[in-house]
Every structure is written in C-alpha cells, then in structure tokens.
Amino acid sequence: MEAVLDHLRGAIESGRYAIGDKLPSEAELCRTLEVSRPVLREALRALQTMGLTVSRTGKGTFVIANTVEDPTFGDYAASDLLEVRRHIEIPVAGYAAVRRTPENLDHLAHLLDRMERETDTTAWVAMDTLFHLAVAEAAQNPVFRRVIEEIRDALARQSAFLNELGGRREQSNREHRAIVEALVDGSEHDAVQAMSHHLDRVETTLTDIVRPQRTHPLTEEGGTEA
C-alpha cells in the first residue's frame, strides 16, 4: 500500500495529475499497478487524508492539491488536533497519576496487555482510543473525558493513518506502557513527561509521513505485488 501511495502521490506532486484532474478508475489503476482493489483503496483513502484528493460519489477521485499541508482526520486538521491534545492530555496524565483508583489502574493494565498482544490494526486502533479515554477517566474529572470523547473519531483516524504509514504500533505500545507505569507509581512528573513524549513521537511520525516524497518506486509500466 505504501508503494502505491508513494507512486500516486508522486504523480500528483510532479504534476502528472494536475489539480482538477480525475484519477484513472480503480479498475484501471489496479490493472496498471498490479495491485488488489483493497490495497488501492487504502492508498486512495490516505491521499484524501493528506488533502491531495477528494472522492465524489459516482464521479471518481479528483486532485484538489499538489502538496501536503495539514492532513485532516474526520472533522479536525492534524495541527489543531495535536494542539488540543497537548493542552488537554499532558496535564490530564499528571492529574491521573495522583487521582487514579485501583480500578482505573486495573482497567489500563488490562487494555495495555490486550494492545501488546493484538496483531489486527483495526482492533488495536479501537483500543488505542479506549486507552486515552481511560487515562482521562483516571483524572476523575468528567469534562476531560467528554473532551476526549469529542475527538475520539479523529484520534482513531489519526491512529490508523500513523500505523498504516508510520509503523507506530510497537513504539506506541512502549509509550503507553511508560504512561501506565507513571500512573502506577503515582508520579505526576513522570506521567506528564511520558504523555509529552508520546505526543512528540506522534508529531514526528506525522511530519515524516507528510514531508515531500523523494522517490516513487512504481512506474506506469511496472507494478508491485499486492
């Protein structure tokens, strides 16, 4: 999928597909690039998330930009989402460290164990959002939980994007483990640091994904394996 995405993104950024152009049909792209339809559709969804294309029902996929500025996850731009997360989730982790109950810790430990064993991306992403909700719950302030609920869909979309294109799952598990350990220790300082590091890594991975591509491994004549 990453190779297909790189190819299509490269074609857009180089001007082969100009703003306003319609991309070839799914059937044509699958045949040309020698990939399965599910792989192609994942790549097309990523292009939309990056803000390069838009899908119009019954009409096809159209190019709307030739550079990646700020990916959108659901209703929110990535930069807006990260700004809010820094202002909410970092202090929330600190509050959770000093207010958490044994039940909160049990719930978080159970979630973390499941996430570390999970191999399915969709299931892992669902638990990722539950993890952040659980940290908010441990802060014992229902407003914090409501804020995370509001951005939950965007968090899930971002998580899936980062896992599919940035291979974030194992690293994220380690970062989540550090957050839970800080909560278990009751260390506000360590919890704040752990959550801050987690969000720093999210931002770094996102930046690496959206920066201009250097090479585009597929050509119109040769495909890739699905």
Protein backbone atom coordinates (compact mmCIF):
# COMPACT_ATOMS: atom_id res chain seq x y z
CA MET A 1 0.00 0.00 0.00
CA GLU A 2 2.82 2.40 0.84
CA ALA A 3 4.38 1.83 -2.58
CA VAL A 4 1.06 2.52 -4.31
CA LEU A 5 0.54 5.64 -2.20
CA ASP A 6 4.06 6.88 -2.95
CA HIS A 7 3.50 6.35 -6.65
CA LEU A 8 0.17 8.19 -6.79
CA ARG A 9 1.38 10.95 -4.51
CA GLY A 10 4.49 11.38 -6.66
CA ALA A 11 2.36 11.61 -9.79
CA ILE A 12 0.29 14.36 -8.17
CA GLU A 13 3.23 16.29 -6.72
CA SER A 14 5.13 16.14 -10.03
CA GLY A 15 2.14 17.46 -11.96
CA ARG A 16 1.40 14.31 -13.92
CA TYR A 17 -2.05 14.59 -12.38
CA ALA A 18 -2.83 18.30 -12.13
CA ILE A 19 -5.29 20.00 -9.79
CA GLY A 20 -8.76 19.32 -11.13
CA ASP A 21 -7.74 16.12 -12.91
CA LYS A 22 -9.64 12.92 -12.32
CA LEU A 23 -7.55 9.91 -11.39
CA PRO A 24 -7.94 6.77 -13.51
CA SER A 25 -10.67 4.39 -12.41
CA GLU A 26 -9.97 1.85 -9.65
CA ALA A 27 -10.10 -0.96 -12.20
CA GLU A 28 -7.55 0.80 -14.42
CA LEU A 29 -5.21 1.61 -11.53
CA CYS A 30 -5.39 -1.95 -10.20
CA ARG A 31 -4.53 -3.30 -13.62
CA THR A 32 -1.74 -0.78 -14.30
CA LEU A 33 -0.12 -1.03 -10.87
CA GLU A 34 -0.83 -4.76 -10.48
CA VAL A 35 -2.36 -4.47 -7.03
CA SER A 36 -5.57 -5.67 -5.44
CA ARG A 37 -8.56 -3.36 -5.01
CA PRO A 38 -8.34 -3.32 -1.16
CA VAL A 39 -4.70 -2.19 -1.36
CA LEU A 40 -5.57 0.52 -3.87
CA ARG A 41 -8.48 1.76 -1.79
CA GLU A 42 -6.27 2.09 1.29
CA ALA A 43 -3.89 4.24 -0.74
CA LEU A 44 -6.74 6.36 -2.11
CA ARG A 45 -8.06 6.94 1.43
CA ALA A 46 -4.60 8.05 2.52
CA LEU A 47 -4.44 10.54 -0.37
CA GLN A 48 -7.72 12.03 0.81
CA THR A 49 -6.50 12.23 4.40
CA MET A 50 -3.42 14.07 3.15
CA GLY A 51 -5.71 16.57 1.42
CA LEU A 52 -4.47 15.77 -2.09
CA THR A 53 -7.69 14.31 -3.49
CA VAL A 54 -11.43 14.20 -2.95
CA SER A 55 -13.79 11.36 -3.80
CA ARG A 56 -17.08 12.31 -5.45
CA THR A 57 -19.74 9.62 -5.37
CA GLY A 58 -20.50 8.30 -8.82
CA LYS A 59 -17.84 10.51 -10.41
CA GLY A 60 -14.48 9.31 -9.16
CA THR A 61 -11.43 10.71 -7.38
CA PHE A 62 -10.19 14.21 -8.22
CA VAL A 63 -6.94 16.03 -7.42
CA ILE A 64 -7.52 19.14 -5.29
CA ALA A 65 -3.93 19.96 -4.19
CA ASN A 66 -0.38 19.12 -5.24
CA THR A 67 1.34 19.50 -1.87
CA VAL A 68 0.54 18.05 1.53
CA GLU A 69 -0.16 20.83 4.01
CA ASP A 70 -2.11 19.56 7.01
CA PRO A 71 -3.82 16.16 6.96
CA THR A 72 -7.43 16.03 8.14
CA PHE A 73 -8.75 13.36 10.47
CA GLY A 74 -12.53 13.40 10.47
CA ASP A 75 -13.61 16.94 11.33
CA TYR A 76 -10.22 18.18 12.51
CA ALA A 77 -6.91 19.17 10.95
CA ALA A 78 -3.89 17.33 12.35
CA SER A 79 -2.30 20.52 13.68
CA ASP A 80 -5.48 21.54 15.51
CA LEU A 81 -5.88 18.07 16.95
CA LEU A 82 -2.30 17.94 18.21
CA GLU A 83 -2.54 21.41 19.76
CA VAL A 84 -5.62 20.43 21.74
CA ARG A 85 -4.14 17.10 22.74
CA ARG A 86 -1.05 18.82 24.17
CA HIS A 87 -3.16 21.23 26.22
CA ILE A 88 -5.51 18.52 27.47
CA GLU A 89 -3.82 15.12 27.59
CA ILE A 90 -0.49 16.18 29.09
CA PRO A 91 -1.95 17.79 32.24
CA VAL A 92 -4.64 15.08 32.37
CA ALA A 93 -1.91 12.46 32.67
CA GLY A 94 -0.49 14.37 35.63
CA TYR A 95 -3.88 14.56 37.34
CA ALA A 96 -4.45 10.87 36.65
CA ALA A 97 -1.18 9.98 38.38
CA VAL A 98 -2.36 11.49 41.67
CA ARG A 99 -6.10 10.74 41.44
CA ARG A 100 -6.26 7.27 39.86
CA THR A 101 -8.04 4.46 41.68
CA PRO A 102 -7.06 0.78 41.80
CA GLU A 103 -9.93 0.14 39.36
CA ASN A 104 -8.50 2.69 36.92
CA LEU A 105 -5.09 1.03 37.06
CA ASP A 106 -6.58 -2.43 36.56
CA HIS A 107 -8.52 -1.21 33.53
CA LEU A 108 -5.47 0.45 31.98
CA ALA A 109 -3.24 -2.57 32.62
CA HIS A 110 -5.82 -4.85 31.01
CA LEU A 111 -6.11 -2.60 27.96
CA LEU A 112 -2.36 -2.36 27.62
CA ASP A 113 -1.91 -6.13 27.81
CA ARG A 114 -4.52 -6.61 25.07
CA MET A 115 -2.91 -3.96 22.88
CA GLU A 116 0.53 -5.53 23.19
CA ARG A 117 -0.87 -8.89 22.05
CA GLU A 118 -3.10 -7.52 19.28
CA THR A 119 -1.99 -8.01 15.67
CA ASP A 120 -5.03 -6.61 13.87
CA THR A 121 -4.65 -2.89 13.14
CA THR A 122 -8.36 -2.10 13.30
CA ALA A 123 -8.76 -3.76 16.69
CA TRP A 124 -5.60 -2.09 18.00
CA VAL A 125 -6.77 1.35 16.88
CA ALA A 126 -10.07 0.87 18.72
CA MET A 127 -8.19 0.01 21.91
CA ASP A 128 -5.85 2.96 21.38
CA THR A 129 -8.76 5.39 21.69
CA LEU A 130 -10.07 3.45 24.70
CA PHE A 131 -6.65 3.80 26.33
CA HIS A 132 -6.69 7.58 26.06
CA LEU A 133 -10.26 7.68 27.34
CA ALA A 134 -9.21 5.53 30.30
CA VAL A 135 -6.39 7.94 31.19
CA ALA A 136 -8.90 10.81 31.09
CA GLU A 137 -11.26 8.83 33.33
CA ALA A 138 -8.45 8.27 35.82
CA ALA A 139 -8.16 12.06 36.24
CA GLN A 140 -11.60 11.93 37.94
CA ASN A 141 -12.97 14.92 36.02
CA PRO A 142 -15.84 14.12 33.63
CA VAL A 143 -15.10 17.18 31.50
CA PHE A 144 -11.74 15.73 30.47
CA ARG A 145 -13.41 12.52 29.38
CA ARG A 146 -16.02 14.48 27.40
CA VAL A 147 -13.30 16.36 25.53
CA ILE A 148 -11.57 13.10 24.56
CA GLU A 149 -14.94 11.64 23.54
CA GLU A 150 -15.45 14.62 21.23
CA ILE A 151 -12.20 13.96 19.37
CA ARG A 152 -12.38 10.17 19.61
CA ASP A 153 -13.21 9.61 15.93
CA ALA A 154 -10.37 11.91 14.87
CA LEU A 155 -7.99 10.09 17.23
CA ALA A 156 -8.97 6.76 15.69
CA ARG A 157 -8.46 8.04 12.15
CA GLN A 158 -5.08 9.52 13.07
CA SER A 159 -4.03 6.33 14.83
CA ALA A 160 -4.93 4.19 11.81
CA PHE A 161 -3.08 6.59 9.48
CA LEU A 162 0.07 6.56 11.62
CA ASN A 163 0.01 2.79 11.99
CA GLU A 164 -0.55 2.06 8.30
CA LEU A 165 2.06 4.53 7.06
CA GLY A 166 4.36 5.06 10.02
CA GLY A 167 4.55 1.65 11.68
CA ARG A 168 3.75 3.20 15.04
CA ARG A 169 2.15 0.27 16.87
CA GLU A 170 5.10 -1.22 18.77
CA GLN A 171 6.58 2.15 19.61
CA SER A 172 3.19 3.41 20.76
CA ASN A 173 2.78 0.35 22.98
CA ARG A 174 6.06 1.18 24.69
CA GLU A 175 5.00 4.79 25.17
CA HIS A 176 1.65 3.69 26.60
CA ARG A 177 3.49 1.34 28.95
CA ALA A 178 5.57 4.26 30.25
CA ILE A 179 2.40 6.28 30.89
CA VAL A 180 0.80 3.43 32.85
CA GLU A 181 3.96 2.85 34.88
CA ALA A 182 4.00 6.53 35.85
CA LEU A 183 0.36 6.29 36.93
CA VAL A 184 1.08 3.15 38.96
CA ASP A 185 3.96 4.97 40.67
CA GLY A 186 1.73 7.96 41.35
CA SER A 187 4.33 10.24 39.75
CA GLU A 188 2.75 13.36 38.29
CA HIS A 189 6.08 14.44 36.82
CA ASP A 190 6.76 11.12 35.10
CA ALA A 191 3.19 10.90 33.78
CA VAL A 192 3.41 14.38 32.26
CA GLN A 193 6.79 13.53 30.71
CA ALA A 194 5.56 10.21 29.35
CA MET A 195 2.47 11.71 27.72
CA SER A 196 4.51 14.62 26.35
CA HIS A 197 6.99 12.18 24.80
CA HIS A 198 4.12 10.16 23.33
CA LEU A 199 2.66 13.21 21.61
CA ASP A 200 6.10 14.32 20.44
CA ARG A 201 6.53 10.96 18.71
CA VAL A 202 3.07 11.25 17.13
CA GLU A 203 4.03 14.64 15.72
CA THR A 204 7.41 13.42 14.46
CA THR A 205 5.91 10.41 12.69
CA LEU A 206 3.20 12.54 11.13
CA THR A 207 5.80 15.04 9.90
CA ASP A 208 7.89 12.25 8.39
CA ILE A 209 4.88 10.90 6.51
CA VAL A 210 3.66 14.17 5.04
CA ARG A 211 7.01 15.71 4.06
CA PRO A 212 7.61 15.76 0.27
CA GLN A 213 8.49 12.38 -1.19
CA ARG A 214 11.95 11.74 -2.58
CA THR A 215 11.38 8.65 -4.71
CA HIS A 216 8.36 6.94 -6.17
CA PRO A 217 9.08 3.23 -6.70
CA LEU A 218 6.24 2.31 -9.05
CA THR A 219 6.11 3.15 -12.71
CA GLU A 220 3.23 3.01 -15.14
CA GLU A 221 4.88 0.06 -16.88
CA GLY A 222 5.81 -1.98 -13.82
CA GLY A 223 3.69 -2.78 -10.83
CA THR A 224 4.14 -4.07 -7.35
CA GLU A 225 2.90 -7.08 -5.52
CA ALA A 226 -0.38 -6.76 -3.65
